[in-house]
């Protein structure tokens, strides 16, 4: 499902003009002797805890030959250590009323635990163990390699949206590793070695490359004491080499065509955007909401309701360590006219660059953004995700507490100026997926 990817999802329903998030003075943050950052936000509404371990490693940290390793470790971290058998991690958590998950992005791999407060030390024991003592059993590696390759087939090779998006992303970036698909290229998935895995793990799964966030019914002093007990003995490592590559400014529109036996033609537009720490991020969020958020948005009204050129118009943008992409997605009706839909999309983008947004549009977008923000903060899970996202990707957790003010300060001029800077045609990559004329005989297709 296409979703807005601010890693916030962020309410309680509070007034739109609410200037500051309460609770900033309750947050405790410390750095252990081995460099691991610990951030704790007490919330005693329910006797539960949400824990997020943000490992600062994603596809951004890969290179040809080892693409997909960050995502692979999302699987491997559940498959045993030198002290615990495969599956024991989950078994112990479940026995203590806990559950877990994980996700990987271009920038980070995040491990999530949700548990009753009584299981806090047990969870710390488990998390410290797999961070320090992960096993590399060749049979497990091969089994998970097959799982990851099957996931790639499901999400990319057998998905029209996924296949097109991978091609567009790889075309949009010429130099920066954001052009690498998070799941990895097929030949790399098939060829990682145990040495590749061990090297990646020792480099990126070091305590000084992790940010541990806890929100819930905990005492910060107790959490920090337990962190010192269980995590601080893990040796720090040399910091990973920084990603120094800066994507060159795009000088002209790029295009990708994918032939597929598709009943629904697809068009994707990817514009180079902003980093997560860029203070203009709220303005970009409001700009994309004006264009695609809800039935009153410009692209929905024009392309879907009025002209029937598309059956849906969606968007999201990535906001990570470095400037990512601003994505727009059009799904067309069967036999839809891709050229006509693209022309209307471009007309609407040029209109917002030339004329800006109205006061009513900006007010509606701001209300939607702040409602989403406050709704997310109604749960300890939403708080943990937001706190970690701001701490790791958006310039410091303290900024979370001023987020409503940041949205309130965005003006019509800010939105128009940003649209003119980012949504120019020379800054975009356009991808089109549709059936070739002889689609009845062509069952697969590739990038043109």
Protein backbone atom coordinates (compact mmCIF):
# COMPACT_ATOMS: atom_id res chain seq x y z
CA UNK A 1 0.00 0.00 0.00
CA UNK A 2 1.27 3.46 -0.88
CA UNK A 3 1.61 5.51 2.27
CA UNK A 4 3.08 8.77 3.45
CA UNK A 5 6.63 7.94 4.52
CA UNK A 6 7.71 10.49 7.06
CA UNK A 7 8.31 7.73 9.61
CA UNK A 8 5.88 9.64 11.76
CA UNK A 9 2.36 8.55 10.97
CA UNK A 10 1.87 10.74 13.81
CA UNK A 11 -2.87 12.37 17.85
CA UNK A 12 -4.82 12.93 20.39
CA UNK A 13 -7.17 15.37 18.80
CA UNK A 14 -5.75 18.69 19.91
CA UNK A 15 -6.42 22.18 18.58
CA UNK A 16 -4.78 22.78 15.20
CA UNK A 17 -2.87 25.75 16.59
CA UNK A 18 -1.51 23.82 19.60
CA UNK A 19 2.01 25.24 19.71
CA UNK A 20 4.04 22.56 21.50
CA UNK A 21 3.84 18.89 22.34
CA UNK A 22 3.74 18.34 26.12
CA UNK A 23 6.30 16.07 27.75
CA UNK A 24 9.61 17.46 26.51
CA UNK A 25 10.91 17.83 30.08
CA UNK A 26 10.09 14.19 30.85
CA UNK A 27 12.37 12.73 28.18
CA UNK A 28 15.74 11.44 29.37
CA UNK A 29 18.59 10.87 26.96
CA UNK A 30 22.06 9.56 27.66
CA UNK A 31 24.96 8.01 25.79
CA UNK A 32 26.59 4.88 27.19
CA UNK A 33 30.37 4.54 27.44
CA UNK A 34 30.34 2.45 24.23
CA UNK A 35 28.51 5.17 22.30
CA UNK A 36 25.00 3.71 22.32
CA UNK A 37 22.35 6.42 22.63
CA UNK A 38 19.43 5.75 24.99
CA UNK A 39 16.25 7.89 24.88
CA UNK A 40 13.40 7.29 27.35
CA UNK A 41 9.97 8.92 27.42
CA UNK A 42 7.84 7.80 30.40
CA UNK A 43 4.13 7.31 29.71
CA UNK A 44 2.18 5.69 32.54
CA UNK A 45 -1.26 5.48 30.93
CA UNK A 46 -0.97 1.70 30.49
CA UNK A 47 1.51 -0.80 32.02
CA UNK A 48 3.23 -1.47 28.68
CA UNK A 49 6.42 -0.43 26.90
CA UNK A 50 7.41 0.14 23.26
CA UNK A 51 11.09 -0.34 22.43
CA UNK A 52 12.67 0.67 19.11
CA UNK A 53 16.32 -0.06 18.34
CA UNK A 54 17.31 2.18 15.43
CA UNK A 55 20.36 0.71 13.70
CA UNK A 56 21.87 3.38 11.45
CA UNK A 57 22.19 1.08 8.44
CA UNK A 58 20.07 0.84 5.32
CA UNK A 59 20.57 0.39 1.60
CA UNK A 60 22.33 3.79 1.67
CA UNK A 61 25.28 1.96 3.28
CA UNK A 62 25.60 -0.70 0.59
CA UNK A 63 27.53 -0.99 -2.66
CA UNK A 64 27.39 -3.17 -5.76
CA UNK A 65 27.90 -6.79 -4.74
CA UNK A 66 26.38 -6.48 -1.27
CA UNK A 67 23.07 -4.76 -2.00
CA UNK A 68 20.22 -5.99 0.18
CA UNK A 69 22.38 -6.87 3.19
CA UNK A 70 20.71 -4.31 5.48
CA UNK A 71 17.33 -5.87 4.75
CA UNK A 72 18.81 -9.39 5.07
CA UNK A 73 19.82 -8.66 8.67
CA UNK A 74 16.24 -7.70 9.43
CA UNK A 75 15.62 -11.45 8.92
CA UNK A 76 18.85 -12.81 10.42
CA UNK A 77 18.44 -11.01 13.74
CA UNK A 78 15.61 -13.39 14.65
CA UNK A 79 17.57 -16.55 13.87
CA UNK A 80 19.64 -17.39 16.89
CA UNK A 81 22.83 -16.40 18.69
CA UNK A 82 25.74 -18.26 20.22
CA UNK A 83 23.61 -18.50 23.38
CA UNK A 84 20.11 -19.05 21.99
CA UNK A 85 18.72 -21.36 19.35
CA UNK A 86 16.85 -20.15 16.26
CA UNK A 87 13.30 -19.24 17.26
CA UNK A 88 14.13 -18.88 20.95
CA UNK A 89 14.04 -15.07 20.76
CA UNK A 90 10.39 -15.13 19.71
CA UNK A 91 9.50 -17.92 22.13
CA UNK A 92 10.86 -16.07 25.15
CA UNK A 93 9.16 -12.84 24.11
CA UNK A 94 5.81 -14.56 23.60
CA UNK A 95 6.10 -16.31 26.97
CA UNK A 96 6.46 -12.87 28.55
CA UNK A 97 3.44 -11.39 26.74
CA UNK A 98 5.55 -9.52 24.20
CA UNK A 99 5.56 -9.26 20.42
CA UNK A 100 8.05 -7.87 17.93
CA UNK A 101 8.68 -6.76 14.37
CA UNK A 102 11.25 -4.92 12.27
CA UNK A 103 11.56 -2.82 9.11
CA UNK A 104 14.33 -1.63 6.80
CA UNK A 105 14.54 1.58 4.78
CA UNK A 106 17.12 3.41 2.69
CA UNK A 107 18.62 4.80 5.90
CA UNK A 108 17.92 2.57 8.90
CA UNK A 109 16.93 -0.87 10.12
CA UNK A 110 14.59 -0.69 13.10
CA UNK A 111 13.78 -3.47 15.56
CA UNK A 112 10.56 -3.12 17.55
CA UNK A 113 9.39 -4.80 20.75
CA UNK A 114 6.10 -4.25 22.57
CA UNK A 115 5.82 -5.78 26.03
CA UNK A 116 4.44 -5.44 29.58
CA UNK A 117 6.68 -3.45 31.90
CA UNK A 118 7.44 -6.62 33.91
CA UNK A 119 9.40 -7.98 30.92
CA UNK A 120 11.78 -5.02 30.62
CA UNK A 121 14.96 -6.75 31.78
CA UNK A 122 14.16 -9.91 29.81
CA UNK A 123 13.80 -7.84 26.63
CA UNK A 124 17.08 -6.05 27.34
CA UNK A 125 18.82 -9.41 27.79
CA UNK A 126 17.46 -10.66 24.47
CA UNK A 127 18.26 -7.50 22.53
CA UNK A 128 21.79 -7.22 23.93
CA UNK A 129 22.43 -10.89 23.16
CA UNK A 130 21.51 -10.67 19.49
CA UNK A 131 23.42 -7.41 19.08
CA UNK A 132 26.59 -8.99 20.48
CA UNK A 133 26.33 -12.71 19.69
CA UNK A 134 24.41 -13.16 16.45
CA UNK A 135 25.01 -16.60 14.91
CA UNK A 136 25.97 -17.12 11.26
CA UNK A 137 24.90 -20.70 10.72
CA UNK A 138 25.36 -21.44 6.97
CA UNK A 139 22.12 -23.42 6.82
CA UNK A 140 20.18 -20.53 8.34
CA UNK A 141 21.86 -18.07 5.98
CA UNK A 142 20.83 -20.11 2.94
CA UNK A 143 17.28 -20.55 4.25
CA UNK A 144 16.88 -16.82 4.81
CA UNK A 145 18.50 -16.07 1.46
CA UNK A 146 15.65 -18.05 -0.15
CA UNK A 147 13.08 -16.19 1.97
CA UNK A 148 14.47 -12.81 0.92
CA UNK A 149 14.59 -13.79 -2.74
CA UNK A 150 10.95 -14.92 -2.53
CA UNK A 151 10.07 -11.59 -0.90
CA UNK A 152 11.77 -9.78 -3.76
CA UNK A 153 9.73 -11.72 -6.31
CA UNK A 154 6.52 -10.87 -4.44
CA UNK A 155 7.21 -7.17 -3.86
CA UNK A 156 9.12 -6.27 -7.01
CA UNK A 157 9.18 -8.83 -9.80
CA UNK A 158 5.49 -9.79 -9.49
CA UNK A 159 4.27 -6.29 -8.58
CA UNK A 160 3.70 -3.74 -11.32
CA UNK A 161 4.03 -0.84 -8.89
CA UNK A 162 7.13 -2.34 -7.28
CA UNK A 163 8.84 -3.16 -10.57
CA UNK A 164 8.25 0.30 -12.01
CA UNK A 165 9.26 2.06 -8.81
CA UNK A 166 12.55 0.17 -8.62
CA UNK A 167 13.39 1.21 -12.19
CA UNK A 168 12.43 4.84 -11.56
CA UNK A 169 14.45 5.05 -8.35
CA UNK A 170 17.52 3.54 -9.99
CA UNK A 171 17.21 6.05 -12.83
CA UNK A 172 16.62 9.07 -10.59
CA UNK A 173 19.95 8.60 -8.78
CA UNK A 174 23.14 8.57 -10.81
CA UNK A 175 25.68 8.72 -7.98
CA UNK A 176 24.06 8.44 -4.57
CA UNK A 177 23.39 4.96 -3.08
CA UNK A 178 19.71 5.88 -2.63
CA UNK A 179 19.44 4.39 -6.13
CA UNK A 180 19.97 0.92 -4.61
CA UNK A 181 16.72 -0.97 -3.91
CA UNK A 182 16.35 -1.75 -0.21
CA UNK A 183 15.59 -5.40 -0.93
CA UNK A 184 18.73 -5.71 -3.10
CA UNK A 185 19.49 -6.67 -6.68
CA UNK A 186 18.80 -10.32 -7.58
CA UNK A 187 22.38 -11.33 -8.37
CA UNK A 188 23.63 -9.83 -5.09
CA UNK A 189 21.02 -11.68 -3.04
CA UNK A 190 22.22 -14.90 -4.64
CA UNK A 191 25.93 -14.24 -4.07
CA UNK A 192 26.48 -12.78 -0.54
CA UNK A 193 29.12 -14.71 1.38
CA UNK A 194 29.40 -15.38 5.10
CA UNK A 195 32.38 -13.02 5.17
CA UNK A 196 30.22 -10.28 3.57
CA UNK A 197 27.63 -10.77 6.30
CA UNK A 198 30.12 -10.77 9.16
CA UNK A 199 31.87 -7.66 7.83
CA UNK A 200 28.59 -5.75 7.46
CA UNK A 201 27.38 -6.84 10.89
CA UNK A 202 30.56 -5.90 12.74
CA UNK A 203 30.60 -2.51 11.01
CA UNK A 204 26.99 -1.43 11.41
CA UNK A 205 25.59 -3.46 14.31
CA UNK A 206 27.90 -1.79 16.81
CA UNK A 207 26.41 -0.09 19.88
CA UNK A 208 27.83 3.25 18.78
CA UNK A 209 25.75 2.95 15.60
CA UNK A 210 22.44 2.36 17.43
CA UNK A 211 19.80 4.56 19.05
CA UNK A 212 17.60 2.76 21.58
CA UNK A 213 14.22 4.41 22.22
CA UNK A 214 11.76 3.36 24.95
CA UNK A 215 8.34 4.84 25.61
CA UNK A 216 5.92 3.57 28.23
CA UNK A 217 5.44 2.69 31.87
CA UNK A 218 9.08 2.86 32.91
CA UNK A 219 11.34 4.79 35.23
CA UNK A 220 14.15 6.43 33.21
CA UNK A 221 16.75 5.82 35.92
CA UNK A 222 15.90 2.12 35.96
CA UNK A 223 16.00 1.91 32.13
CA UNK A 224 19.41 3.59 32.00
CA UNK A 225 20.76 1.35 34.77
CA UNK A 226 19.57 -1.76 32.90
CA UNK A 227 21.05 -0.40 29.67
CA UNK A 228 24.40 0.01 31.38
CA UNK A 229 24.15 -3.56 32.71
CA UNK A 230 23.19 -5.27 29.46
CA UNK A 231 24.35 -3.06 26.59
CA UNK A 232 27.38 -1.17 27.89
CA UNK A 233 29.62 -4.29 28.01
CA UNK A 234 29.26 -4.65 24.22
CA UNK A 235 32.46 -3.18 22.72
CA UNK A 236 32.18 -0.14 20.49
CA UNK A 237 33.60 -0.34 16.97
CA UNK A 238 35.24 2.09 14.61
CA UNK A 239 32.47 4.31 13.20
CA UNK A 240 31.30 3.29 9.73
CA UNK A 241 32.71 5.30 6.87
CA UNK A 242 30.40 8.23 6.19
CA UNK A 243 28.45 8.41 2.96
CA UNK A 244 30.07 11.39 1.25
CA UNK A 245 28.46 11.18 -2.17
CA UNK A 246 26.15 14.08 -3.02
CA UNK A 247 23.76 13.46 -5.89
CA UNK A 248 24.53 15.93 -8.71
CA UNK A 249 21.76 18.33 -9.59
CA UNK A 250 19.55 16.80 -12.25
CA UNK A 251 19.84 18.71 -15.52
CA UNK A 252 16.82 17.38 -17.37
CA UNK A 253 13.85 15.05 -17.26
CA UNK A 254 14.60 11.32 -17.32
CA UNK A 255 12.16 8.67 -18.50
CA UNK A 256 11.62 4.97 -17.91
CA UNK A 257 9.22 2.72 -19.82
CA UNK A 258 8.28 -0.75 -18.61
CA UNK A 259 6.24 -3.14 -20.73
CA UNK A 260 3.96 -5.49 -18.80
CA UNK A 261 0.74 -7.37 -19.30
CA UNK A 262 -1.09 -4.80 -17.18
CA UNK A 263 -4.80 -4.10 -17.10
CA UNK A 264 -4.11 -0.87 -15.20
CA UNK A 265 -1.45 1.42 -16.72
CA UNK A 266 0.74 3.20 -14.17
CA UNK A 267 2.63 6.48 -14.15
CA UNK A 268 5.14 7.47 -11.49
CA UNK A 269 6.89 10.81 -11.04
CA UNK A 270 9.96 11.11 -8.79
CA UNK A 271 11.41 14.53 -7.96
CA UNK A 272 14.59 15.07 -5.95
CA UNK A 273 13.51 16.39 -2.57
CA UNK A 274 14.79 17.14 0.93
CA UNK A 275 16.69 15.53 3.79
CA UNK A 276 14.81 14.78 7.00
CA UNK A 277 16.62 17.51 8.91
CA UNK A 278 15.69 20.20 6.36
CA UNK A 279 13.50 22.82 8.07
CA UNK A 280 11.35 22.97 4.91
CA UNK A 281 10.10 19.41 5.45
CA UNK A 282 6.73 20.56 6.90
CA UNK A 283 6.21 22.78 3.85
CA UNK A 284 6.87 19.80 1.59
CA UNK A 285 4.36 17.72 3.53
CA UNK A 286 1.72 20.42 3.10
CA UNK A 287 2.52 20.76 -0.61
CA UNK A 288 1.99 17.05 -1.27
CA UNK A 289 -1.20 17.06 0.80
CA UNK A 290 -2.63 19.92 -1.26
CA UNK A 291 -1.98 17.82 -4.35
CA UNK A 292 -3.08 14.33 -3.25
CA UNK A 293 -4.49 14.09 0.28
CA UNK A 294 -8.22 13.42 0.11
CA UNK A 295 -11.04 13.93 -2.35
CA UNK A 296 -10.60 17.72 -2.24
CA UNK A 297 -6.95 17.56 -3.33
CA UNK A 298 -6.03 19.04 -6.68
CA UNK A 299 -4.88 15.90 -8.47
CA UNK A 300 -7.79 13.83 -7.24
CA UNK A 301 -10.32 16.42 -8.34
CA UNK A 302 -8.75 16.99 -11.72
CA UNK A 303 -7.51 13.56 -12.75
CA UNK A 304 -9.94 11.26 -10.96
CA UNK A 305 -13.25 13.07 -10.50
CA UNK A 306 -13.47 15.59 -13.32
CA UNK A 307 -11.55 14.18 -16.29
CA UNK A 308 -11.59 10.46 -15.36
CA UNK A 309 -7.99 10.14 -16.54
CA UNK A 310 -6.91 8.19 -13.44
CA UNK A 311 -8.56 5.98 -10.86
CA UNK A 312 -6.21 7.14 -8.09
CA UNK A 313 -3.56 9.79 -7.40
CA UNK A 314 -1.23 9.31 -4.44
CA UNK A 315 2.07 10.63 -3.15
CA UNK A 316 4.69 10.31 -0.45
CA UNK A 317 8.20 11.54 0.12
CA UNK A 318 11.26 10.11 1.81
CA UNK A 319 13.07 12.26 4.35
CA UNK A 320 16.26 10.55 5.48
CA UNK A 321 19.90 11.36 6.11
CA UNK A 322 20.24 12.83 2.61
CA UNK A 323 17.76 14.35 0.15
CA UNK A 324 15.38 11.65 -1.05
CA UNK A 325 12.58 11.58 -3.58
CA UNK A 326 9.10 13.12 -3.75
CA UNK A 327 6.87 10.49 -5.39
CA UNK A 328 3.55 10.83 -7.22
CA UNK A 329 1.63 7.77 -8.39
CA UNK A 330 -1.16 7.63 -10.95
CA UNK A 331 -3.16 4.47 -11.60
CA UNK A 332 -5.08 4.71 -14.85
CA UNK A 333 -8.25 2.95 -15.95
CA UNK A 334 -7.95 0.04 -18.36
CA UNK A 335 -7.01 1.40 -21.78
CA UNK A 336 -6.28 4.75 -20.11
CA UNK A 337 -4.38 7.38 -22.05
CA UNK A 338 -0.99 7.75 -20.34
CA UNK A 339 0.05 10.76 -22.41
CA UNK A 340 -3.12 12.65 -21.62
CA UNK A 341 -2.90 11.80 -17.89
CA UNK A 342 0.73 12.90 -17.76
CA UNK A 343 -0.11 16.15 -19.54
CA UNK A 344 -2.84 16.97 -17.03
CA UNK A 345 -0.58 16.07 -14.10
CA UNK A 346 2.10 18.38 -15.48
CA UNK A 347 -0.46 21.14 -16.01
CA UNK A 348 -1.50 20.94 -12.35
CA UNK A 349 2.13 21.01 -11.17
CA UNK A 350 2.90 24.03 -13.35
CA UNK A 351 -0.20 25.74 -12.04
CA UNK A 352 0.87 25.33 -8.40
CA UNK A 353 4.35 26.62 -9.28
CA UNK A 354 2.92 29.66 -11.03
CA UNK A 355 -0.09 30.47 -8.83
CA UNK A 356 0.73 28.85 -5.48
CA UNK A 357 -1.88 27.45 -3.11
CA UNK A 358 -4.95 29.13 -1.67
CA UNK A 359 -5.44 29.97 1.99
CA UNK A 360 -8.18 27.37 2.22
CA UNK A 361 -5.99 24.67 0.66
CA UNK A 362 -3.15 25.44 3.05
CA UNK A 363 -5.49 25.46 6.06
CA UNK A 364 -7.01 22.12 5.02
CA UNK A 365 -3.58 20.53 4.50
CA UNK A 366 -2.34 21.87 7.84
CA UNK A 367 -5.37 20.47 9.64
CA UNK A 368 -4.82 17.06 8.02
CA UNK A 369 -1.11 17.03 8.90
CA UNK A 370 -1.61 18.05 12.50
CA UNK A 371 -4.50 15.64 12.99
CA UNK A 372 -2.26 12.80 11.75
CA UNK A 373 0.57 14.00 13.97
CA UNK A 374 -1.49 14.13 17.15
CA UNK A 375 -3.29 10.88 16.36
CA UNK A 376 0.06 9.09 16.23
CA UNK A 377 1.13 10.47 19.58
CA UNK A 378 -1.93 8.94 21.24
CA UNK A 379 -0.09 5.59 21.57
CA UNK A 380 3.23 4.61 23.08
CA UNK A 381 4.11 2.95 19.78
CA UNK A 382 3.47 6.15 17.86
CA UNK A 383 5.52 8.12 20.37
CA UNK A 384 8.43 5.68 20.10
CA UNK A 385 8.42 5.80 16.32
CA UNK A 386 8.18 9.59 16.24
CA UNK A 387 10.84 10.09 18.92
CA UNK A 388 13.26 7.79 17.14
CA UNK A 389 12.57 9.28 13.74
CA UNK A 390 13.32 12.78 14.96
CA UNK A 391 16.35 11.65 16.95
CA UNK A 392 17.96 9.73 14.12
CA UNK A 393 16.72 11.27 10.87
CA UNK A 394 15.27 14.70 11.54
CA UNK A 395 17.87 16.62 13.45
CA UNK A 396 17.24 15.67 17.09
CA UNK A 397 14.37 14.37 19.19
CA UNK A 398 13.80 17.82 20.67
CA UNK A 399 12.34 18.97 17.35
CA UNK A 400 9.43 16.58 17.80
CA UNK A 401 8.06 18.80 20.55
CA UNK A 402 8.04 21.88 18.31
CA UNK A 403 6.52 20.12 15.30
CA UNK A 404 3.07 21.78 15.55
CA UNK A 405 4.73 25.19 15.64
CA UNK A 406 6.78 24.28 12.57
CA UNK A 407 3.60 23.46 10.64
CA UNK A 408 1.83 26.58 11.88
CA UNK A 409 4.67 28.75 10.58
CA UNK A 410 4.45 27.51 6.95
CA UNK A 411 3.11 30.21 4.63
CA UNK A 412 1.59 30.13 1.15
CA UNK A 413 4.79 31.70 -0.13
CA UNK A 414 6.87 28.93 1.47
CA UNK A 415 4.86 26.26 -0.32
CA UNK A 416 4.97 28.00 -3.70
CA UNK A 417 8.71 28.64 -3.45
CA UNK A 418 9.37 25.01 -2.59
CA UNK A 419 7.16 23.82 -5.44
CA UNK A 420 9.11 25.97 -7.88
CA UNK A 421 12.41 24.60 -6.58
CA UNK A 422 11.55 20.91 -6.42
CA UNK A 423 8.70 20.20 -8.86
CA UNK A 424 10.31 21.59 -12.01
CA UNK A 425 10.30 19.19 -14.94
CA UNK A 426 14.11 19.13 -15.15
CA UNK A 427 14.19 17.67 -11.61
CA UNK A 428 11.98 14.68 -12.26
CA UNK A 429 12.10 11.10 -13.49
CA UNK A 430 8.94 9.78 -15.14
CA UNK A 431 8.10 6.10 -15.29
CA UNK A 432 5.30 4.58 -17.34
CA UNK A 433 4.15 0.97 -17.18
CA UNK A 434 1.64 -0.27 -19.69
CA UNK A 435 0.89 -3.18 -21.98
CA UNK A 436 2.68 -3.20 -25.33
CA UNK A 437 0.49 -3.32 -28.45
CA UNK A 438 0.91 -7.10 -28.65
CA UNK A 439 0.22 -7.64 -24.93
CA UNK A 440 -1.81 -10.74 -25.65
CA UNK A 441 1.45 -12.42 -26.65
CA UNK A 442 3.79 -10.60 -24.26
CA UNK A 443 3.57 -11.76 -20.65
CA UNK A 444 6.63 -10.03 -19.20
CA UNK A 445 8.48 -6.83 -19.87
CA UNK A 446 11.44 -4.81 -18.80
CA UNK A 447 12.79 -1.30 -18.61
CA UNK A 448 13.18 0.42 -21.96
